[in-house]
Protein backbone atom coordinates (compact mmCIF):
# COMPACT_ATOMS: atom_id res chain seq x y z
CA MET A 1 -4.23 12.72 32.78
CA TRP A 2 -2.97 12.34 29.70
CA ALA A 3 0.93 11.41 30.79
CA ASP A 4 -0.72 8.79 32.39
CA HIS A 5 -2.24 6.80 29.63
CA ASP A 6 -0.39 3.98 28.34
CA VAL A 7 -0.78 3.59 24.90
CA GLN A 8 0.16 0.11 23.19
CA ALA A 9 1.25 0.27 19.51
CA HIS A 10 -0.32 -1.69 17.12
CA THR A 11 1.77 -3.87 15.59
CA THR A 12 -0.37 -5.95 13.11
CA GLY A 13 -4.04 -5.36 11.75
CA THR A 14 -5.93 -4.43 8.79
CA LYS A 15 -6.32 -1.47 7.05
CA ARG A 16 -8.76 -0.13 5.21
CA LEU A 17 -8.06 2.56 2.34
CA HIS A 18 -9.57 4.39 -0.81
CA HIS A 19 -7.55 4.82 -3.76
CA PRO A 20 -9.12 7.40 -6.45
CA ILE A 21 -8.97 5.23 -9.36
CA VAL A 22 -9.43 1.35 -8.21
CA GLY A 23 -11.45 2.47 -4.79
CA ASP A 24 -11.80 0.26 -1.72
CA LEU A 25 -8.77 -1.52 -0.77
CA THR A 26 -8.36 -3.76 2.52
CA LEU A 27 -4.59 -4.64 3.46
CA ASP A 28 -3.08 -6.55 6.45
CA TYR A 29 -0.16 -4.51 7.71
CA GLN A 30 2.65 -5.67 10.05
CA VAL A 31 5.06 -2.76 11.46
CA LEU A 32 8.68 -3.83 11.95
CA THR A 33 11.05 -2.28 13.85
CA VAL A 34 14.93 -2.27 13.68
CA GLN A 35 16.71 -3.31 16.75
CA ASP A 36 19.50 -1.16 16.61
CA ASP A 37 17.37 1.79 15.81
CA PRO A 38 13.83 1.69 17.54
CA GLU A 39 12.60 4.70 16.10
CA GLN A 40 12.48 3.34 12.60
CA THR A 41 9.68 1.15 11.47
CA LEU A 42 8.69 -0.54 8.45
CA VAL A 43 5.36 -1.20 7.49
CA LEU A 44 4.30 -3.89 5.38
CA TYR A 45 1.02 -3.78 3.84
CA THR A 46 -0.27 -6.80 1.72
CA PRO A 47 -3.60 -7.39 0.46
CA GLU A 48 -5.19 -11.25 0.72
CA PRO A 49 -4.50 -13.48 -2.30
CA GLY A 50 -7.08 -13.15 -4.81
CA SER A 51 -9.15 -10.45 -3.05
CA PRO A 52 -10.42 -7.43 -4.99
CA SER A 53 -7.72 -5.61 -3.05
CA ALA A 54 -5.21 -7.61 -4.89
CA GLU A 55 -6.53 -7.22 -8.30
CA ALA A 56 -6.69 -3.70 -7.69
CA LEU A 57 -3.01 -3.35 -6.52
CA GLY A 58 -1.91 -5.71 -9.84
CA MET A 59 -3.91 -3.26 -11.76
CA LEU A 60 -1.87 -0.46 -10.20
CA ALA A 61 1.34 -2.27 -10.78
CA GLY A 62 0.59 -2.78 -14.15
CA TRP A 63 0.45 0.68 -15.11
CA THR A 64 3.93 1.25 -13.43
CA SER A 65 5.72 -1.65 -15.57
CA THR A 66 6.36 0.10 -18.75
CA SER A 67 9.74 -0.41 -20.58
CA THR A 68 12.20 2.08 -19.57
CA THR A 69 13.62 2.46 -23.49
CA GLU A 70 10.15 3.43 -24.32
CA THR A 71 9.00 6.73 -24.37
CA LEU A 72 5.46 7.68 -23.25
CA THR A 73 3.56 10.40 -25.17
CA PRO A 74 0.33 11.64 -23.74
CA GLU A 75 -1.47 9.27 -26.00
CA ARG A 76 0.66 6.22 -24.91
CA THR A 77 0.38 6.91 -21.39
CA PRO A 78 -1.20 4.49 -19.19
CA GLY A 79 -4.35 5.15 -17.48
CA PRO A 80 -7.39 4.26 -15.95
CA PRO A 81 -9.51 1.66 -17.99
CA ASP A 82 -12.58 2.99 -19.81
């Protein structure tokens, strides 16, 4: 029976995720295939501009944008807000 089941791939949609620090995220996604290699795919996740999810992702991105010349010590390591 399973062999006859024709499952269609979803190439666009909305995904809800939970991040342990910033909480719930709602992201739109789009799946792109590589024309020369259909076994490869690229999935793009984007938040609605101005949404709480966009703000949460911006906060996470800010934690990764430290200067490459700056050495982080445990006291200076970015972390979640108090």
